[in-house]
Amino acid sequence: MCINELISVTNETKGSHMSFIPYEAYFAAVFNEIERIYNKVQNGEIDYMYDLYYKYWLHNNCDITVSTASGDSEYVKIIGIDDYGYLKVRSPNGSIASVQPDGNTFDMLRGLIYPKPF
């Protein structure tokens, strides 16, 4: 649902008279915010971006199964992303690893990461 649909539904259900947001104004606001975040990162405030990212991220602390190429499975917990943007996971023994997309298929709805068939 787009923001103007939300405005329309709100106007109908609440009897309000909010104006629609023109596309130009919406995209100007989005790009201004991206530029603000970019400037913070460029000034060394990378934690600001990580905090914002994790605030809306769905996968933190999800238990998933990682399957190896040999067919073995290991249950791990997603604990974040690493410095390169890959998923960072913790195994039951406490070891931490990154799961890279090359050679893996992510099926987050099933909580499964498994090797891509070649």
PDB file of N, CA and C in Angstrom:
ATOM      1  N   MET A   1       0.855  -1.163   0.000  1.00  0.00           N
ATOM      2  CA  MET A   1       0.000   0.000   0.000  1.00  0.00           C
ATOM      3  C   MET A   1       0.906   1.233   0.000  1.00  0.00           C
ATOM      4  N   CYS A   2       0.604   2.193  -0.856  1.00  0.00           N
ATOM      5  CA  CYS A   2       1.414   3.410  -0.912  1.00  0.00           C
ATOM      6  C   CYS A   2       0.895   4.429   0.102  1.00  0.00           C
ATOM      7  N   ILE A   3       1.690   5.451   0.340  1.00  0.00           N
ATOM      8  CA  ILE A   3       1.349   6.423   1.374  1.00  0.00           C
ATOM      9  C   ILE A   3       0.067   7.184   1.039  1.00  0.00           C
ATOM     10  N   ASN A   4      -0.173   7.452  -0.232  1.00  0.00           N
ATOM     11  CA  ASN A   4      -1.404   8.153  -0.602  1.00  0.00           C
ATOM     12  C   ASN A   4      -2.640   7.281  -0.402  1.00  0.00           C
ATOM     13  N   GLU A   5      -2.494   5.969  -0.538  1.00  0.00           N
ATOM     14  CA  GLU A   5      -3.608   5.073  -0.212  1.00  0.00           C
ATOM     15  C   GLU A   5      -3.895   5.115   1.284  1.00  0.00           C
ATOM     16  N   LEU A   6      -2.850   5.155   2.093  1.00  0.00           N
ATOM     17  CA  LEU A   6      -3.032   5.267   3.544  1.00  0.00           C
ATOM     18  C   LEU A   6      -3.743   6.570   3.906  1.00  0.00           C
ATOM     19  N   ILE A   7      -3.363   7.645   3.241  1.00  0.00           N
ATOM     20  CA  ILE A   7      -4.028   8.932   3.479  1.00  0.00           C
ATOM     21  C   ILE A   7      -5.498   8.838   3.103  1.00  0.00           C
ATOM     22  N   SER A   8      -5.788   8.224   1.963  1.00  0.00           N
ATOM     23  CA  SER A   8      -7.168   8.069   1.511  1.00  0.00           C
ATOM     24  C   SER A   8      -7.994   7.249   2.498  1.00  0.00           C
ATOM     25  N   VAL A   9      -7.449   6.138   2.954  1.00  0.00           N
ATOM     26  CA  VAL A   9      -8.164   5.285   3.924  1.00  0.00           C
ATOM     27  C   VAL A   9      -8.376   6.037   5.232  1.00  0.00           C
ATOM     28  N   THR A  10      -7.350   6.751   5.679  1.00  0.00           N
ATOM     29  CA  THR A  10      -7.476   7.525   6.921  1.00  0.00           C
ATOM     30  C   THR A  10      -8.532   8.610   6.771  1.00  0.00           C
ATOM     31  N   ASN A  11      -8.534   9.293   5.642  1.00  0.00           N
ATOM     32  CA  ASN A  11      -9.548  10.321   5.408  1.00  0.00           C
ATOM     33  C   ASN A  11     -10.955   9.721   5.444  1.00  0.00           C
ATOM     34  N   GLU A  12     -11.105   8.544   4.854  1.00  0.00           N
ATOM     35  CA  GLU A  12     -12.423   7.898   4.825  1.00  0.00           C
ATOM     36  C   GLU A  12     -12.858   7.421   6.211  1.00  0.00           C
ATOM     37  N   THR A  13     -11.948   6.778   6.919  1.00  0.00           N
ATOM     38  CA  THR A  13     -12.332   6.175   8.205  1.00  0.00           C
ATOM     39  C   THR A  13     -12.369   7.179   9.354  1.00  0.00           C
ATOM     40  N   LYS A  14     -11.560   8.206   9.305  1.00  0.00           N
ATOM     41  CA  LYS A  14     -11.487   9.182  10.408  1.00  0.00           C
ATOM     42  C   LYS A  14     -12.187  10.495  10.088  1.00  0.00           C
ATOM     43  N   GLY A  15     -12.623  10.643   8.839  1.00  0.00           N
ATOM     44  CA  GLY A  15     -13.266  11.893   8.448  1.00  0.00           C
ATOM     45  C   GLY A  15     -12.301  13.066   8.374  1.00  0.00           C
ATOM     46  N   SER A  16     -11.028  12.754   8.191  1.00  0.00           N
ATOM     47  CA  SER A  16     -10.021  13.820   8.107  1.00  0.00           C
ATOM     48  C   SER A  16      -9.910  14.326   6.668  1.00  0.00           C
ATOM     49  N   HIS A  17      -9.114  15.350   6.495  1.00  0.00           N
ATOM     50  CA  HIS A  17      -8.967  15.968   5.165  1.00  0.00           C
ATOM     51  C   HIS A  17      -7.499  16.168   4.821  1.00  0.00           C
ATOM     52  N   MET A  18      -6.701  15.143   5.049  1.00  0.00           N
ATOM     53  CA  MET A  18      -5.276  15.254   4.710  1.00  0.00           C
ATOM     54  C   MET A  18      -5.103  15.277   3.191  1.00  0.00           C
ATOM     55  N   SER A  19      -4.147  16.068   2.743  1.00  0.00           N
ATOM     56  CA  SER A  19      -3.848  16.151   1.311  1.00  0.00           C
ATOM     57  C   SER A  19      -2.912  15.017   0.918  1.00  0.00           C
ATOM     58  N   PHE A  20      -3.028  14.600  -0.331  1.00  0.00           N
ATOM     59  CA  PHE A  20      -2.091  13.612  -0.846  1.00  0.00           C
ATOM     60  C   PHE A  20      -0.702  14.242  -0.959  1.00  0.00           C
ATOM     61  N   ILE A  21       0.294  13.391  -0.901  1.00  0.00           N
ATOM     62  CA  ILE A  21       1.680  13.852  -1.022  1.00  0.00           C
ATOM     63  C   ILE A  21       2.116  13.686  -2.474  1.00  0.00           C
ATOM     64  N   PRO A  22       2.512  14.777  -3.129  1.00  0.00           N
ATOM     65  CA  PRO A  22       2.983  14.645  -4.514  1.00  0.00           C
ATOM     66  C   PRO A  22       4.245  13.781  -4.568  1.00  0.00           C
ATOM     67  N   TYR A  23       4.389  13.038  -5.644  1.00  0.00           N
ATOM     68  CA  TYR A  23       5.556  12.166  -5.796  1.00  0.00           C
ATOM     69  C   TYR A  23       6.861  12.943  -5.638  1.00  0.00           C
ATOM     70  N   GLU A  24       6.895  14.146  -6.202  1.00  0.00           N
ATOM     71  CA  GLU A  24       8.112  14.948  -6.141  1.00  0.00           C
ATOM     72  C   GLU A  24       8.487  15.264  -4.698  1.00  0.00           C
ATOM     73  N   ALA A  25       7.500  15.609  -3.891  1.00  0.00           N
ATOM     74  CA  ALA A  25       7.764  15.938  -2.483  1.00  0.00           C
ATOM     75  C   ALA A  25       8.200  14.691  -1.717  1.00  0.00           C
ATOM     76  N   TYR A  26       7.552  13.564  -2.011  1.00  0.00           N
ATOM     77  CA  TYR A  26       7.907  12.321  -1.328  1.00  0.00           C
ATOM     78  C   TYR A  26       9.356  11.928  -1.624  1.00  0.00           C
ATOM     79  N   PHE A  27       9.705  11.886  -2.905  1.00  0.00           N
ATOM     80  CA  PHE A  27      11.058  11.475  -3.267  1.00  0.00           C
ATOM     81  C   PHE A  27      12.106  12.489  -2.824  1.00  0.00           C
ATOM     82  N   ALA A  28      11.767  13.752  -2.804  1.00  0.00           N
ATOM     83  CA  ALA A  28      12.703  14.758  -2.283  1.00  0.00           C
ATOM     84  C   ALA A  28      12.986  14.482  -0.808  1.00  0.00           C
ATOM     85  N   ALA A  29      11.958  14.158  -0.033  1.00  0.00           N
ATOM     86  CA  ALA A  29      12.145  13.858   1.388  1.00  0.00           C
ATOM     87  C   ALA A  29      12.983  12.594   1.581  1.00  0.00           C
ATOM     88  N   VAL A  30      12.720  11.568   0.768  1.00  0.00           N
ATOM     89  CA  VAL A  30      13.475  10.314   0.868  1.00  0.00           C
ATOM     90  C   VAL A  30      14.950  10.553   0.554  1.00  0.00           C
ATOM     91  N   PHE A  31      15.228  11.238  -0.543  1.00  0.00           N
ATOM     92  CA  PHE A  31      16.622  11.457  -0.926  1.00  0.00           C
ATOM     93  C   PHE A  31      17.341  12.410   0.031  1.00  0.00           C
ATOM     94  N   ASN A  32      16.627  13.365   0.596  1.00  0.00           N
ATOM     95  CA  ASN A  32      17.241  14.226   1.610  1.00  0.00           C
ATOM     96  C   ASN A  32      17.629  13.408   2.841  1.00  0.00           C
ATOM     97  N   GLU A  33      16.792  12.475   3.232  1.00  0.00           N
ATOM     98  CA  GLU A  33      17.105  11.621   4.383  1.00  0.00           C
ATOM     99  C   GLU A  33      18.281  10.695   4.073  1.00  0.00           C
ATOM    100  N   ILE A  34      18.301  10.137   2.872  1.00  0.00           N
ATOM    101  CA  ILE A  34      19.443   9.296   2.472  1.00  0.00           C
ATOM    102  C   ILE A  34      20.729  10.115   2.501  1.00  0.00           C
ATOM    103  N   GLU A  35      20.664  11.342   2.011  1.00  0.00           N
ATOM    104  CA  GLU A  35      21.850  12.202   2.020  1.00  0.00           C
ATOM    105  C   GLU A  35      22.286  12.514   3.451  1.00  0.00           C
ATOM    106  N   ARG A  36      21.343  12.733   4.354  1.00  0.00           N
ATOM    107  CA  ARG A  36      21.669  13.009   5.753  1.00  0.00           C
ATOM    108  C   ARG A  36      22.370  11.808   6.382  1.00  0.00           C
ATOM    109  N   ILE A  37      21.845  10.603   6.128  1.00  0.00           N
ATOM    110  CA  ILE A  37      22.462   9.378   6.659  1.00  0.00           C
ATOM    111  C   ILE A  37      23.846   9.188   6.048  1.00  0.00           C
ATOM    112  N   TYR A  38      23.960   9.385   4.755  1.00  0.00           N
ATOM    113  CA  TYR A  38      25.247   9.258   4.064  1.00  0.00           C
ATOM    114  C   TYR A  38      26.281  10.196   4.680  1.00  0.00           C
ATOM    115  N   ASN A  39      25.895  11.435   4.936  1.00  0.00           N
ATOM    116  CA  ASN A  39      26.829  12.392   5.529  1.00  0.00           C
ATOM    117  C   ASN A  39      27.272  11.960   6.918  1.00  0.00           C
ATOM    118  N   LYS A  40      26.368  11.406   7.706  1.00  0.00           N
ATOM    119  CA  LYS A  40      26.734  10.905   9.038  1.00  0.00           C
ATOM    120  C   LYS A  40      27.761   9.785   8.916  1.00  0.00           C
ATOM    121  N   VAL A  41      27.519   8.855   7.989  1.00  0.00           N
ATOM    122  CA  VAL A  41      28.454   7.746   7.792  1.00  0.00           C
ATOM    123  C   VAL A  41      29.808   8.274   7.328  1.00  0.00           C
ATOM    124  N   GLN A  42      29.795   9.211   6.409  1.00  0.00           N
ATOM    125  CA  GLN A  42      31.051   9.795   5.911  1.00  0.00           C
ATOM    126  C   GLN A  42      31.829  10.503   7.019  1.00  0.00           C
ATOM    127  N   ASN A  43      31.108  11.001   8.023  1.00  0.00           N
ATOM    128  CA  ASN A  43      31.748  11.689   9.147  1.00  0.00           C
ATOM    129  C   ASN A  43      32.107  10.746  10.283  1.00  0.00           C
ATOM    130  N   GLY A  44      32.077   9.441  10.007  1.00  0.00           N
ATOM    131  CA  GLY A  44      32.513   8.465  10.999  1.00  0.00           C
ATOM    132  C   GLY A  44      31.427   7.948  11.926  1.00  0.00           C
ATOM    133  N   GLU A  45      30.172   8.313  11.688  1.00  0.00           N
ATOM    134  CA  GLU A  45      29.072   7.880  12.553  1.00  0.00           C
ATOM    135  C   GLU A  45      28.386   6.629  11.988  1.00  0.00           C
ATOM    136  N   ILE A  46      29.161   5.602  11.678  1.00  0.00           N
ATOM    137  CA  ILE A  46      28.621   4.377  11.091  1.00  0.00           C
ATOM    138  C   ILE A  46      27.642   3.685  12.032  1.00  0.00           C
ATOM    139  N   ASP A  47      27.836   3.833  13.340  1.00  0.00           N
ATOM    140  CA  ASP A  47      26.923   3.206  14.293  1.00  0.00           C
ATOM    141  C   ASP A  47      25.500   3.739  14.156  1.00  0.00           C
ATOM    142  N   TYR A  48      25.363   4.994  13.732  1.00  0.00           N
ATOM    143  CA  TYR A  48      24.035   5.552  13.501  1.00  0.00           C
ATOM    144  C   TYR A  48      23.290   4.747  12.443  1.00  0.00           C
ATOM    145  N   MET A  49      24.001   4.410  11.356  1.00  0.00           N
ATOM    146  CA  MET A  49      23.374   3.636  10.286  1.00  0.00           C
ATOM    147  C   MET A  49      23.027   2.224  10.764  1.00  0.00           C
ATOM    148  N   TYR A  50      23.951   1.595  11.509  1.00  0.00           N
ATOM    149  CA  TYR A  50      23.679   0.255  12.030  1.00  0.00           C
ATOM    150  C   TYR A  50      22.472   0.270  12.964  1.00  0.00           C
ATOM    151  N   ASP A  51      22.400   1.258  13.852  1.00  0.00           N
ATOM    152  CA  ASP A  51      21.264   1.346  14.772  1.00  0.00           C
ATOM    153  C   ASP A  51      19.952   1.480  14.003  1.00  0.00           C
ATOM    154  N   LEU A  52      19.945   2.309  12.988  1.00  0.00           N
ATOM    155  CA  LEU A  52      18.755   2.502  12.170  1.00  0.00           C
ATOM    156  C   LEU A  52      18.390   1.219  11.424  1.00  0.00           C
ATOM    157  N   TYR A  53      19.402   0.551  10.891  1.00  0.00           N
ATOM    158  CA  TYR A  53      19.196  -0.695  10.152  1.00  0.00           C
ATOM    159  C   TYR A  53      18.592  -1.769  11.059  1.00  0.00           C
ATOM    160  N   TYR A  54      19.187  -1.945  12.230  1.00  0.00           N
ATOM    161  CA  TYR A  54      18.698  -2.981  13.148  1.00  0.00           C
ATOM    162  C   TYR A  54      17.328  -2.649  13.733  1.00  0.00           C
ATOM    163  N   LYS A  55      16.979  -1.390  13.808  1.00  0.00           N
ATOM    164  CA  LYS A  55      15.680  -0.996  14.347  1.00  0.00           C
ATOM    165  C   LYS A  55      14.533  -1.606  13.534  1.00  0.00           C
ATOM    166  N   TYR A  56      14.732  -1.733  12.228  1.00  0.00           N
ATOM    167  CA  TYR A  56      13.677  -2.243  11.347  1.00  0.00           C
ATOM    168  C   TYR A  56      13.978  -3.627  10.786  1.00  0.00           C
ATOM    169  N   TRP A  57      15.041  -4.234  11.243  1.00  0.00           N
ATOM    170  CA  TRP A  57      15.474  -5.516  10.709  1.00  0.00           C
ATOM    171  C   TRP A  57      14.675  -6.649  11.327  1.00  0.00           C
ATOM    172  N   LEU A  58      14.254  -7.613  10.516  1.00  0.00           N
ATOM    173  CA  LEU A  58      13.370  -8.682  10.977  1.00  0.00           C
ATOM    174  C   LEU A  58      14.089  -9.925  11.472  1.00  0.00           C
ATOM    175  N   HIS A  59      15.339 -10.118  11.124  1.00  0.00           N
ATOM    176  CA  HIS A  59      15.971 -11.415  11.323  1.00  0.00           C
ATOM    177  C   HIS A  59      16.806 -11.565  12.586  1.00  0.00           C
ATOM    178  N   ASN A  60      16.984 -10.496  13.353  1.00  0.00           N
ATOM    179  CA  ASN A  60      17.841 -10.596  14.524  1.00  0.00           C
ATOM    180  C   ASN A  60      17.280 -11.598  15.533  1.00  0.00           C
ATOM    181  N   ASN A  61      18.147 -12.435  16.053  1.00  0.00           N
ATOM    182  CA  ASN A  61      17.821 -13.489  17.026  1.00  0.00           C
ATOM    183  C   ASN A  61      16.934 -14.590  16.460  1.00  0.00           C
ATOM    184  N   CYS A  62      16.821 -14.687  15.143  1.00  0.00           N
ATOM    185  CA  CYS A  62      16.067 -15.779  14.530  1.00  0.00           C
ATOM    186  C   CYS A  62      16.913 -17.051  14.566  1.00  0.00           C
ATOM    187  N   ASP A  63      16.282 -18.143  14.929  1.00  0.00           N
ATOM    188  CA  ASP A  63      16.936 -19.440  14.873  1.00  0.00           C
ATOM    189  C   ASP A  63      16.747 -20.006  13.477  1.00  0.00           C
ATOM    190  N   ILE A  64      17.842 -20.402  12.848  1.00  0.00           N
ATOM    191  CA  ILE A  64      17.782 -20.948  11.495  1.00  0.00           C
ATOM    192  C   ILE A  64      18.630 -22.204  11.414  1.00  0.00           C
ATOM    193  N   THR A  65      18.445 -22.935  10.343  1.00  0.00           N
ATOM    194  CA  THR A  65      19.249 -24.114  10.070  1.00  0.00           C
ATOM    195  C   THR A  65      20.166 -23.812   8.902  1.00  0.00           C
ATOM    196  N   VAL A  66      21.435 -24.088   9.084  1.00  0.00           N
ATOM    197  CA  VAL A  66      22.410 -23.937   8.005  1.00  0.00           C
ATOM    198  C   VAL A  66      22.795 -25.333   7.557  1.00  0.00           C
ATOM    199  N   SER A  67      22.593 -25.612   6.288  1.00  0.00           N
ATOM    200  CA  SER A  67      22.972 -26.908   5.729  1.00  0.00           C
ATOM    201  C   SER A  67      24.292 -26.769   4.994  1.00  0.00           C
ATOM    202  N   THR A  68      25.153 -27.736   5.182  1.00  0.00           N
ATOM    203  CA  THR A  68      26.451 -27.720   4.505  1.00  0.00           C
ATOM    204  C   THR A  68      26.351 -28.455   3.178  1.00  0.00           C
ATOM    205  N   ALA A  69      27.383 -28.332   2.370  1.00  0.00           N
ATOM    206  CA  ALA A  69      27.412 -29.015   1.076  1.00  0.00           C
ATOM    207  C   ALA A  69      27.375 -30.527   1.258  1.00  0.00           C
ATOM    208  N   SER A  70      27.868 -31.017   2.398  1.00  0.00           N
ATOM    209  CA  SER A  70      27.857 -32.463   2.645  1.00  0.00           C
ATOM    210  C   SER A  70      26.508 -32.958   3.149  1.00  0.00           C
ATOM    211  N   GLY A  71      25.568 -32.022   3.379  1.00  0.00           N
ATOM    212  CA  GLY A  71      24.240 -32.416   3.814  1.00  0.00           C
ATOM    213  C   GLY A  71      24.023 -32.332   5.315  1.00  0.00           C
ATOM    214  N   ASP A  72      25.062 -32.046   6.078  1.00  0.00           N
ATOM    215  CA  ASP A  72      24.907 -31.882   7.513  1.00  0.00           C
ATOM    216  C   ASP A  72      24.170 -30.575   7.799  1.00  0.00           C
ATOM    217  N   SER A  73      23.461 -30.532   8.927  1.00  0.00           N
ATOM    218  CA  SER A  73      22.741 -29.331   9.327  1.00  0.00           C
ATOM    219  C   SER A  73      23.246 -28.850  10.673  1.00  0.00           C
ATOM    220  N   GLU A  74      23.240 -27.543  10.848  1.00  0.00           N
ATOM    221  CA  GLU A  74      23.596 -26.958  12.131  1.00  0.00           C
ATOM    222  C   GLU A  74      22.588 -25.861  12.441  1.00  0.00           C
ATOM    223  N   TYR A  75      22.086 -25.870  13.658  1.00  0.00           N
ATOM    224  CA  TYR A  75      21.165 -24.831  14.094  1.00  0.00           C
ATOM    225  C   TYR A  75      21.975 -23.664  14.637  1.00  0.00           C
ATOM    226  N   VAL A  76      21.682 -22.472  14.144  1.00  0.00           N
ATOM    227  CA  VAL A  76      22.399 -21.275  14.555  1.00  0.00           C
ATOM    228  C   VAL A  76      21.400 -20.150  14.803  1.00  0.00           C
ATOM    229  N   LYS A  77      21.878 -19.091  15.436  1.00  0.00           N
ATOM    230  CA  LYS A  77      21.054 -17.913  15.695  1.00  0.00           C
ATOM    231  C   LYS A  77      21.666 -16.737  14.959  1.00  0.00           C
ATOM    232  N   ILE A  78      20.841 -15.995  14.222  1.00  0.00           N
ATOM    233  CA  ILE A  78      21.307 -14.796  13.542  1.00  0.00           C
ATOM    234  C   ILE A  78      21.519 -13.718  14.596  1.00  0.00           C
ATOM    235  N   ILE A  79      22.729 -13.142  14.606  1.00  0.00           N
ATOM    236  CA  ILE A  79      23.032 -12.113  15.597  1.00  0.00           C
ATOM    237  C   ILE A  79      23.314 -10.756  14.964  1.00  0.00           C
ATOM    238  N   GLY A  80      23.271 -10.655  13.646  1.00  0.00           N
ATOM    239  CA  GLY A  80      23.484  -9.371  12.992  1.00  0.00           C
ATOM    240  C   GLY A  80      24.116  -9.528  11.635  1.00  0.00           C
ATOM    241  N   ILE A  81      24.783  -8.468  11.233  1.00  0.00           N
ATOM    242  CA  ILE A  81      25.522  -8.485   9.975  1.00  0.00           C
ATOM    243  C   ILE A  81      26.978  -8.168  10.285  1.00  0.00           C
ATOM    244  N   ASP A  82      27.869  -8.682   9.458  1.00  0.00           N
ATOM    245  CA  ASP A  82      29.295  -8.413   9.670  1.00  0.00           C
ATOM    246  C   ASP A  82      29.687  -7.119   8.950  1.00  0.00           C
ATOM    247  N   ASP A  83      30.962  -6.802   8.977  1.00  0.00           N
ATOM    248  CA  ASP A  83      31.451  -5.561   8.370  1.00  0.00           C
ATOM    249  C   ASP A  83      31.284  -5.526   6.859  1.00  0.00           C
ATOM    250  N   TYR A  84      30.994  -6.663   6.231  1.00  0.00           N
ATOM    251  CA  TYR A  84      30.826  -6.742   4.781  1.00  0.00           C
ATOM    252  C   TYR A  84      29.369  -6.897   4.369  1.00  0.00           C
ATOM    253  N   GLY A  85      28.456  -6.918   5.345  1.00  0.00           N
ATOM    254  CA  GLY A  85      27.029  -7.011   5.055  1.00  0.00           C
ATOM    255  C   GLY A  85      26.482  -8.418   5.030  1.00  0.00           C
ATOM    256  N   TYR A  86      27.302  -9.437   5.355  1.00  0.00           N
ATOM    257  CA  TYR A  86      26.825 -10.820   5.390  1.00  0.00           C
ATOM    258  C   TYR A  86      26.171 -11.103   6.735  1.00  0.00           C
ATOM    259  N   LEU A  87      25.305 -12.109   6.750  1.00  0.00           N
ATOM    260  CA  LEU A  87      24.689 -12.503   8.009  1.00  0.00           C
ATOM    261  C   LEU A  87      25.733 -13.047   8.964  1.00  0.00           C
ATOM    262  N   LYS A  88      25.662 -12.607  10.209  1.00  0.00           N
ATOM    263  CA  LYS A  88      26.550 -13.114  11.252  1.00  0.00           C
ATOM    264  C   LYS A  88      25.709 -14.020  12.142  1.00  0.00           C
ATOM    265  N   VAL A  89      26.187 -15.253  12.370  1.00  0.00           N
ATOM    266  CA  VAL A  89      25.430 -16.242  13.140  1.00  0.00           C
ATOM    267  C   VAL A  89      26.282 -16.794  14.284  1.00  0.00           C
ATOM    268  N   ARG A  90      25.580 -17.255  15.338  1.00  0.00           N
ATOM    269  CA  ARG A  90      26.260 -17.887  16.476  1.00  0.00           C
ATOM    270  C   ARG A  90      25.738 -19.314  16.602  1.00  0.00           C
ATOM    271  N   SER A  91      26.662 -20.256  16.686  1.00  0.00           N
ATOM    272  CA  SER A  91      26.289 -21.661  16.850  1.00  0.00           C
ATOM    273  C   SER A  91      26.099 -21.941  18.341  1.00  0.00           C
ATOM    274  N   PRO A  92      25.472 -23.069  18.663  1.00  0.00           N
ATOM    275  CA  PRO A  92      25.251 -23.407  20.073  1.00  0.00           C
ATOM    276  C   PRO A  92      26.534 -23.463  20.905  1.00  0.00           C
ATOM    277  N   ASN A  93      27.668 -23.770  20.278  1.00  0.00           N
ATOM    278  CA  ASN A  93      28.925 -23.824  21.039  1.00  0.00           C
ATOM    279  C   ASN A  93      29.541 -22.443  21.227  1.00  0.00           C
ATOM    280  N   GLY A  94      28.871 -21.383  20.711  1.00  0.00           N
ATOM    281  CA  GLY A  94      29.322 -20.015  20.913  1.00  0.00           C
ATOM    282  C   GLY A  94      30.175 -19.451  19.803  1.00  0.00           C
ATOM    283  N   SER A  95      30.573 -20.283  18.840  1.00  0.00           N
ATOM    284  CA  SER A  95      31.391 -19.759  17.746  1.00  0.00           C
ATOM    285  C   SER A  95      30.541 -18.881  16.831  1.00  0.00           C
ATOM    286  N   ILE A  96      31.193 -17.856  16.298  1.00  0.00           N
ATOM    287  CA  ILE A  96      30.508 -16.891  15.434  1.00  0.00           C
ATOM    288  C   ILE A  96      31.082 -17.015  14.026  1.00  0.00           C
ATOM    289  N   ALA A  97      30.203 -17.011  13.048  1.00  0.00           N
ATOM    290  CA  ALA A  97      30.620 -17.127  11.652  1.00  0.00           C
ATOM    291  C   ALA A  97      29.746 -16.221  10.792  1.00  0.00           C
ATOM    292  N   SER A  98      30.234 -15.925   9.601  1.00  0.00           N
ATOM    293  CA  SER A  98      29.457 -15.177   8.621  1.00  0.00           C
ATOM    294  C   SER A  98      28.976 -16.143   7.556  1.00  0.00           C
ATOM    295  N   VAL A  99      27.741 -15.948   7.142  1.00  0.00           N
ATOM    296  CA  VAL A  99      27.156 -16.789   6.097  1.00  0.00           C
ATOM    297  C   VAL A  99      27.086 -15.937   4.841  1.00  0.00           C
ATOM    298  N   GLN A 100      27.851 -16.332   3.839  1.00  0.00           N
ATOM    299  CA  GLN A 100      27.944 -15.553   2.615  1.00  0.00           C
ATOM    300  C   GLN A 100      26.954 -16.075   1.580  1.00  0.00           C
ATOM    301  N   PRO A 101      26.416 -15.171   0.752  1.00  0.00           N
ATOM    302  CA  PRO A 101      25.415 -15.585  -0.220  1.00  0.00           C
ATOM    303  C   PRO A 101      25.965 -16.401  -1.388  1.00  0.00           C
ATOM    304  N   ASP A 102      27.264 -16.291  -1.654  1.00  0.00           N
ATOM    305  CA  ASP A 102      27.803 -17.048  -2.782  1.00  0.00           C
ATOM    306  C   ASP A 102      27.768 -18.535  -2.444  1.00  0.00           C
ATOM    307  N   GLY A 103      27.000 -19.274  -3.203  1.00  0.00           N
ATOM    308  CA  GLY A 103      26.903 -20.705  -2.965  1.00  0.00           C
ATOM    309  C   GLY A 103      25.804 -21.089  -1.998  1.00  0.00           C
ATOM    310  N   ASN A 104      25.055 -20.124  -1.451  1.00  0.00           N
ATOM    311  CA  ASN A 104      23.972 -20.430  -0.521  1.00  0.00           C
ATOM    312  C   ASN A 104      22.659 -19.853  -1.019  1.00  0.00           C
ATOM    313  N   THR A 105      21.579 -20.509  -0.643  1.00  0.00           N
ATOM    314  CA  THR A 105      20.243 -20.009  -0.891  1.00  0.00           C
ATOM    315  C   THR A 105      19.618 -19.707   0.459  1.00  0.00           C
ATOM    316  N   PHE A 106      19.055 -18.516   0.602  1.00  0.00           N
ATOM    317  CA  PHE A 106      18.423 -18.118   1.847  1.00  0.00           C
ATOM    318  C   PHE A 106      16.912 -18.280   1.714  1.00  0.00           C
ATOM    319  N   ASP A 107      16.331 -19.108   2.549  1.00  0.00           N
ATOM    320  CA  ASP A 107      14.878 -19.250   2.615  1.00  0.00           C
ATOM    321  C   ASP A 107      14.475 -18.850   4.029  1.00  0.00           C
ATOM    322  N   MET A 108      14.344 -17.542   4.252  1.00  0.00           N
ATOM    323  CA  MET A 108      14.112 -17.035   5.594  1.00  0.00           C
ATOM    324  C   MET A 108      12.716 -17.401   6.105  1.00  0.00           C
ATOM    325  N   LEU A 109      11.756 -17.621   5.212  1.00  0.00           N
ATOM    326  CA  LEU A 109      10.425 -18.024   5.670  1.00  0.00           C
ATOM    327  C   LEU A 109      10.458 -19.401   6.315  1.00  0.00           C
ATOM    328  N   ARG A 110      11.352 -20.261   5.836  1.00  0.00           N
ATOM    329  CA  ARG A 110      11.493 -21.600   6.411  1.00  0.00           C
ATOM    330  C   ARG A 110      12.627 -21.674   7.425  1.00  0.00           C
ATOM    331  N   GLY A 111      13.342 -20.555   7.614  1.00  0.00           N
ATOM    332  CA  GLY A 111      14.448 -20.538   8.558  1.00  0.00           C
ATOM    333  C   GLY A 111      15.583 -21.439   8.116  1.00  0.00           C
ATOM    334  N   LEU A 112      15.916 -21.382   6.834  1.00  0.00           N
ATOM    335  CA  LEU A 112      16.868 -22.328   6.276  1.00  0.00           C
ATOM    336  C   LEU A 112      17.850 -21.630   5.351  1.00  0.00           C
ATOM    337  N   ILE A 113      19.109 -21.977   5.497  1.00  0.00           N
ATOM    338  CA  ILE A 113      20.146 -21.558   4.564  1.00  0.00           C
ATOM    339  C   ILE A 113      20.816 -22.827   4.082  1.00  0.00           C
ATOM    340  N   TYR A 114      20.842 -23.020   2.763  1.00  0.00           N
ATOM    341  CA  TYR A 114      21.393 -24.264   2.235  1.00  0.00           C
ATOM    342  C   TYR A 114      22.184 -23.992   0.963  1.00  0.00           C
ATOM    343  N   PRO A 115      23.111 -24.884   0.626  1.00  0.00           N
ATOM    344  CA  PRO A 115      23.928 -24.680  -0.576  1.00  0.00           C
ATOM    345  C   PRO A 115      23.077 -24.671  -1.844  1.00  0.00           C
ATOM    346  N   LYS A 116      23.418 -23.773  -2.762  1.00  0.00           N
ATOM    347  CA  LYS A 116      22.718 -23.725  -4.049  1.00  0.00           C
ATOM    348  C   LYS A 116      23.050 -24.971  -4.846  1.00  0.00           C
ATOM    349  N   PRO A 117      22.056 -25.533  -5.522  1.00  0.00           N
ATOM    350  CA  PRO A 117      22.379 -26.651  -6.418  1.00  0.00           C
ATOM    351  C   PRO A 117      23.078 -26.116  -7.664  1.00  0.00           C
ATOM    352  N   PHE A 118      24.101 -26.815  -8.087  1.00  0.00           N
ATOM    353  CA  PHE A 118      24.843 -26.381  -9.284  1.00  0.00           C
ATOM    354  C   PHE A 118      24.580 -27.311 -10.428  1.00  0.00           C
TER     355      PHE A 118
END
